N, C-alpha and C. Protein backbone atom coordinates (compact mmCIF):
# COMPACT_ATOMS: atom_id res chain seq x y z
N UNK A 1 22.57 7.04 -7.07
CA UNK A 1 21.42 7.66 -7.47
C UNK A 1 21.03 8.78 -6.39
N UNK A 2 20.86 9.87 -7.00
CA UNK A 2 20.47 11.14 -6.08
C UNK A 2 18.88 10.95 -5.60
N UNK A 3 18.69 11.09 -4.50
CA UNK A 3 17.39 11.08 -3.93
C UNK A 3 16.77 9.74 -3.61
N UNK A 4 17.54 8.70 -3.79
CA UNK A 4 17.16 7.30 -3.47
C UNK A 4 17.10 7.03 -2.05
N UNK A 5 16.19 6.46 -1.54
CA UNK A 5 16.16 6.05 -0.23
C UNK A 5 16.53 4.62 0.16
N UNK A 6 17.54 4.18 0.85
CA UNK A 6 17.85 2.92 1.00
C UNK A 6 16.79 2.04 1.78
N UNK A 7 16.55 0.79 1.49
CA UNK A 7 15.48 0.16 2.12
C UNK A 7 15.68 -0.05 3.71
N UNK A 8 16.96 0.13 4.17
CA UNK A 8 17.14 -0.01 5.57
C UNK A 8 16.63 1.16 6.42
N UNK A 9 16.41 2.18 5.84
CA UNK A 9 15.85 3.41 6.58
C UNK A 9 14.29 3.25 6.72
N UNK A 10 13.84 3.87 7.88
CA UNK A 10 12.59 3.79 8.14
C UNK A 10 11.80 4.73 7.43
N UNK A 11 10.75 4.46 6.71
CA UNK A 11 9.92 5.40 5.82
C UNK A 11 9.24 6.38 6.76
N UNK A 12 8.93 7.52 6.13
CA UNK A 12 8.13 8.60 6.88
C UNK A 12 6.67 8.30 6.75
N UNK A 13 6.26 7.21 7.64
CA UNK A 13 4.98 6.70 7.60
C UNK A 13 3.96 7.61 8.31
N UNK A 14 4.40 8.59 9.08
CA UNK A 14 3.44 9.46 9.72
C UNK A 14 2.88 10.30 8.68
N UNK A 15 3.53 10.56 7.65
CA UNK A 15 2.92 11.50 6.64
C UNK A 15 2.06 10.58 5.76
N UNK A 16 2.05 9.23 5.73
CA UNK A 16 1.02 8.49 4.92
C UNK A 16 -0.39 8.88 5.37
N UNK A 17 -1.09 9.03 4.17
CA UNK A 17 -2.58 9.49 4.31
C UNK A 17 -3.42 8.40 4.85
N UNK A 18 -3.08 7.22 4.66
CA UNK A 18 -4.06 6.04 5.10
C UNK A 18 -3.34 4.84 5.56
N UNK A 19 -3.96 3.90 6.16
CA UNK A 19 -3.32 2.70 6.65
C UNK A 19 -2.83 1.91 5.50
N UNK A 20 -3.52 1.80 4.41
CA UNK A 20 -3.08 1.22 3.05
C UNK A 20 -1.61 1.79 2.54
N UNK A 21 -1.58 3.09 2.72
CA UNK A 21 -0.36 3.81 2.24
C UNK A 21 0.84 3.31 3.24
N UNK A 22 0.48 3.24 4.53
CA UNK A 22 1.42 2.82 5.55
C UNK A 22 1.96 1.45 5.20
N UNK A 23 1.11 0.50 4.88
CA UNK A 23 1.61 -0.78 4.52
C UNK A 23 1.90 -0.97 2.99
N UNK A 24 1.83 0.06 2.27
CA UNK A 24 2.24 0.04 0.89
C UNK A 24 1.40 -1.08 0.08
N UNK A 25 0.13 -1.01 0.35
CA UNK A 25 -0.78 -2.01 -0.44
C UNK A 25 -1.93 -1.14 -1.00
N UNK A 26 -2.72 -1.59 -1.94
CA UNK A 26 -3.81 -0.96 -2.46
C UNK A 26 -5.04 -1.08 -1.55
N UNK A 27 -5.99 -0.33 -2.00
CA UNK A 27 -7.27 -0.54 -1.12
C UNK A 27 -8.02 -1.81 -1.37
N UNK A 28 -7.70 -2.33 -2.54
CA UNK A 28 -8.37 -3.60 -2.82
C UNK A 28 -7.48 -4.97 -2.49
N UNK A 29 -6.54 -4.62 -1.72
CA UNK A 29 -5.61 -5.64 -1.29
C UNK A 29 -6.37 -6.81 -0.58
N UNK A 30 -5.94 -8.02 -0.68
CA UNK A 30 -6.50 -9.25 0.00
C UNK A 30 -5.89 -9.30 1.34
N UNK A 31 -6.52 -10.16 2.27
CA UNK A 31 -5.88 -10.40 3.42
C UNK A 31 -4.43 -11.02 3.49
N UNK A 32 -4.35 -11.73 2.32
CA UNK A 32 -2.92 -12.38 2.23
C UNK A 32 -1.97 -11.48 1.83
N UNK A 33 -2.35 -10.42 0.88
CA UNK A 33 -1.36 -9.37 0.52
C UNK A 33 -1.14 -8.39 1.76
N UNK A 34 -2.13 -8.12 2.45
CA UNK A 34 -1.82 -7.24 3.71
C UNK A 34 -0.80 -7.85 4.56
N UNK A 35 -1.15 -9.17 4.86
CA UNK A 35 -0.26 -9.88 5.78
C UNK A 35 1.24 -10.07 5.31
N UNK A 36 1.32 -10.30 4.15
CA UNK A 36 2.69 -10.36 3.43
C UNK A 36 3.37 -9.10 3.53
N UNK A 37 2.79 -7.91 3.23
CA UNK A 37 3.29 -6.61 3.25
C UNK A 37 3.71 -6.26 4.73
N UNK A 38 2.82 -6.58 5.58
CA UNK A 38 3.15 -6.35 7.13
C UNK A 38 4.39 -7.11 7.51
N UNK A 39 4.36 -8.36 7.13
CA UNK A 39 5.64 -9.04 7.61
C UNK A 39 6.97 -8.70 7.04
N UNK A 40 6.82 -8.28 5.72
CA UNK A 40 8.14 -7.79 5.07
C UNK A 40 8.58 -6.39 5.67
N UNK A 41 7.65 -5.59 6.00
CA UNK A 41 7.99 -4.38 6.65
C UNK A 41 8.46 -4.61 8.09
N UNK A 42 7.69 -5.47 8.83
CA UNK A 42 8.14 -5.67 10.28
C UNK A 42 9.42 -6.33 10.26
N UNK A 43 9.73 -7.14 9.45
CA UNK A 43 11.08 -7.73 9.38
C UNK A 43 12.18 -6.57 9.38
N UNK A 44 11.86 -5.64 8.52
CA UNK A 44 12.87 -4.62 8.34
C UNK A 44 12.91 -3.61 9.40
N UNK A 45 11.70 -3.19 9.96
CA UNK A 45 11.53 -2.23 11.14
C UNK A 45 11.53 -2.62 12.53
N UNK A 46 11.36 -3.83 12.89
CA UNK A 46 11.33 -4.31 14.21
C UNK A 46 12.55 -3.85 14.83
N UNK A 47 12.24 -3.44 16.11
CA UNK A 47 13.33 -2.65 17.06
C UNK A 47 14.38 -3.83 17.39
N UNK A 48 14.10 -5.09 17.37
CA UNK A 48 15.10 -6.21 17.72
C UNK A 48 15.87 -6.53 16.69
N UNK A 49 15.38 -6.32 15.32
CA UNK A 49 16.18 -6.68 14.27
C UNK A 49 16.67 -5.61 13.43
N UNK A 50 16.31 -4.34 13.70
CA UNK A 50 16.70 -3.13 12.94
C UNK A 50 18.14 -2.89 13.25
N UNK A 51 18.87 -2.45 12.25
CA UNK A 51 20.28 -2.07 12.61
C UNK A 51 20.41 -0.70 13.28
N UNK A 52 19.31 0.14 12.91
CA UNK A 52 19.33 1.43 13.53
C UNK A 52 18.20 1.42 14.64
N UNK A 53 18.47 1.71 15.84
CA UNK A 53 17.56 1.57 16.82
C UNK A 53 16.92 3.17 17.15
N UNK A 54 16.71 3.77 16.17
CA UNK A 54 16.32 5.21 16.40
C UNK A 54 14.92 5.24 16.72
N UNK A 55 14.37 6.33 17.34
CA UNK A 55 12.99 6.43 17.72
C UNK A 55 12.07 6.55 16.45
N UNK A 56 12.66 6.95 15.26
CA UNK A 56 11.89 6.97 14.08
C UNK A 56 11.61 5.70 13.59
N UNK A 57 12.63 4.74 13.73
CA UNK A 57 12.31 3.38 13.25
C UNK A 57 11.38 2.59 14.30
N UNK A 58 11.36 2.94 15.46
CA UNK A 58 10.36 2.37 16.41
C UNK A 58 8.97 2.99 16.14
N UNK A 59 8.96 4.21 15.78
CA UNK A 59 7.57 4.85 15.48
C UNK A 59 7.11 4.32 14.26
N UNK A 60 7.81 4.02 13.16
CA UNK A 60 7.48 3.44 12.00
C UNK A 60 6.91 1.94 12.28
N UNK A 61 7.51 1.32 13.07
CA UNK A 61 7.09 -0.10 13.39
C UNK A 61 5.80 0.10 13.94
N UNK A 62 5.59 0.83 14.93
CA UNK A 62 4.33 1.02 15.67
C UNK A 62 3.31 1.47 14.77
N UNK A 63 3.59 2.13 13.76
CA UNK A 63 2.48 2.62 12.92
C UNK A 63 2.12 1.46 11.88
N UNK A 64 3.00 0.58 11.45
CA UNK A 64 2.55 -0.46 10.56
C UNK A 64 1.89 -1.46 11.41
N UNK A 65 2.34 -1.60 12.67
CA UNK A 65 1.49 -2.57 13.52
C UNK A 65 0.02 -2.17 13.68
N UNK A 66 -0.14 -0.89 13.88
CA UNK A 66 -1.46 -0.30 14.22
C UNK A 66 -2.25 -0.48 12.79
N UNK A 67 -1.46 -0.27 11.52
CA UNK A 67 -2.23 -0.41 10.39
C UNK A 67 -2.64 -1.83 10.10
N UNK A 68 -1.78 -2.80 10.45
CA UNK A 68 -2.17 -4.18 10.27
C UNK A 68 -3.23 -4.65 11.30
N UNK A 69 -3.11 -4.09 12.56
CA UNK A 69 -4.15 -4.57 13.39
C UNK A 69 -5.54 -4.16 12.79
N UNK A 70 -5.77 -2.93 12.22
CA UNK A 70 -7.00 -2.51 11.70
C UNK A 70 -7.32 -3.30 10.49
N UNK A 71 -6.42 -3.46 9.53
CA UNK A 71 -6.81 -3.96 8.18
C UNK A 71 -6.89 -5.51 8.25
N UNK A 72 -6.43 -6.17 9.26
CA UNK A 72 -6.51 -7.62 9.29
C UNK A 72 -7.84 -8.07 9.98
N UNK A 73 -8.53 -7.13 10.59
CA UNK A 73 -9.79 -7.53 11.19
C UNK A 73 -10.75 -6.96 10.26
N UNK A 74 -11.70 -7.84 9.75
CA UNK A 74 -12.72 -7.53 8.62
C UNK A 74 -13.68 -6.44 9.13
N UNK A 75 -14.04 -6.44 10.43
CA UNK A 75 -15.16 -5.49 10.98
C UNK A 75 -14.38 -4.17 11.03
N UNK A 76 -13.22 -4.17 11.67
CA UNK A 76 -12.48 -2.81 11.56
C UNK A 76 -12.12 -2.37 10.20
N UNK A 77 -11.75 -3.14 9.44
CA UNK A 77 -11.31 -2.59 8.02
C UNK A 77 -12.59 -2.09 7.28
N UNK A 78 -13.76 -2.77 7.45
CA UNK A 78 -15.01 -2.29 6.86
C UNK A 78 -15.35 -0.82 7.47
N UNK A 79 -15.34 -0.83 8.68
CA UNK A 79 -15.43 0.60 9.30
C UNK A 79 -14.55 1.61 8.86
N UNK A 80 -13.18 1.33 8.79
CA UNK A 80 -12.23 2.27 8.27
C UNK A 80 -12.36 2.50 6.81
N UNK A 81 -12.73 1.54 5.96
CA UNK A 81 -13.02 1.89 4.54
C UNK A 81 -14.20 2.81 4.45
N UNK A 82 -15.20 2.64 5.21
CA UNK A 82 -16.40 3.62 5.06
C UNK A 82 -16.05 4.97 5.50
N UNK A 83 -15.13 5.11 6.54
CA UNK A 83 -14.60 6.38 6.87
C UNK A 83 -13.79 7.18 5.80
N UNK A 84 -13.21 6.35 4.96
CA UNK A 84 -12.47 6.91 3.88
C UNK A 84 -13.19 7.34 2.80
N UNK A 85 -14.60 6.91 2.60
CA UNK A 85 -15.52 7.25 1.45
C UNK A 85 -15.26 6.25 0.37
N UNK A 86 -16.10 6.62 -0.67
CA UNK A 86 -15.98 5.61 -1.85
C UNK A 86 -14.63 5.72 -2.42
N UNK A 87 -14.15 4.56 -3.14
CA UNK A 87 -12.92 4.59 -3.73
C UNK A 87 -13.08 5.30 -5.05
N UNK A 88 -11.89 5.78 -5.29
CA UNK A 88 -11.81 6.62 -6.59
C UNK A 88 -11.99 5.74 -7.76
N UNK A 89 -12.82 5.93 -8.70
CA UNK A 89 -13.02 5.20 -9.92
C UNK A 89 -12.87 6.12 -11.06
N UNK A 90 -11.90 5.53 -11.93
CA UNK A 90 -11.65 6.25 -13.09
C UNK A 90 -12.65 6.39 -14.02
N UNK A 91 -12.93 7.46 -14.79
CA UNK A 91 -14.07 7.52 -15.60
C UNK A 91 -14.06 6.47 -16.73
N UNK A 92 -15.02 5.98 -17.37
CA UNK A 92 -15.01 4.99 -18.42
C UNK A 92 -14.20 5.42 -19.55
N UNK A 93 -13.38 4.52 -19.99
CA UNK A 93 -12.48 4.79 -21.22
C UNK A 93 -11.40 5.58 -20.88
N UNK A 94 -10.98 5.94 -19.56
CA UNK A 94 -9.79 6.77 -19.37
C UNK A 94 -8.57 5.65 -19.32
N UNK A 95 -7.60 6.07 -19.98
CA UNK A 95 -6.38 5.26 -19.85
C UNK A 95 -6.47 4.13 -20.88
N UNK A 96 -7.61 3.98 -21.62
CA UNK A 96 -7.72 2.77 -22.50
C UNK A 96 -7.17 3.09 -23.91
N UNK A 97 -6.31 2.24 -24.20
CA UNK A 97 -5.82 2.47 -25.69
C UNK A 97 -6.77 2.08 -26.66
N UNK A 98 -7.25 2.69 -27.54
CA UNK A 98 -8.29 2.30 -28.58
C UNK A 98 -7.61 1.76 -29.73
N UNK A 99 -7.73 0.65 -30.12
CA UNK A 99 -7.23 -0.04 -31.32
C UNK A 99 -8.10 -0.27 -32.50
N UNK A 100 -7.74 0.23 -33.58
CA UNK A 100 -8.80 0.14 -34.61
C UNK A 100 -8.74 -1.26 -35.10
N UNK A 101 -9.76 -1.93 -35.32
CA UNK A 101 -10.00 -3.29 -35.72
C UNK A 101 -9.96 -3.30 -37.29
N UNK A 102 -9.14 -4.34 -37.62
CA UNK A 102 -9.05 -4.53 -39.15
C UNK A 102 -10.24 -5.32 -39.65
N UNK A 103 -10.98 -4.72 -40.47
CA UNK A 103 -12.18 -5.13 -41.08
C UNK A 103 -11.90 -6.12 -42.14
N UNK A 104 -12.63 -7.25 -42.21
CA UNK A 104 -12.43 -8.37 -43.18
C UNK A 104 -12.57 -7.86 -44.59
N UNK A 105 -13.55 -6.77 -44.80
CA UNK A 105 -13.67 -6.45 -46.19
C UNK A 105 -12.71 -5.38 -46.68
N UNK A 106 -11.64 -4.98 -45.67
CA UNK A 106 -10.59 -4.20 -46.13
C UNK A 106 -9.29 -5.08 -46.50
N UNK A 107 -9.38 -6.41 -46.43
CA UNK A 107 -8.38 -7.20 -46.64
C UNK A 107 -8.23 -7.14 -48.30
N UNK A 108 -6.93 -7.35 -48.77
CA UNK A 108 -6.62 -7.20 -50.10
C UNK A 108 -7.67 -7.84 -50.99
């Protein structure tokens, strides 16, 4: 597959816009989801277990570690969320498939 990135390589996390993107979770993620995402990524990127000991892998590990430290603390996460501003809310009805209801008086 052209353009596919193998899982063993370190993602370019420095380009990630937020701590949520660094851990690859949504803004509404629970503490359990954040912890699971951190552990999965740390297992792949930790310098002691990583197959490539490049500085890029080490930097990626430090970035997910910083993201987890902030998002796992409720006070720090609240302050970080406030700094991001309000979450994007889709307008009502956007992306909703409207289905025409079959009326009983239209039955045969």
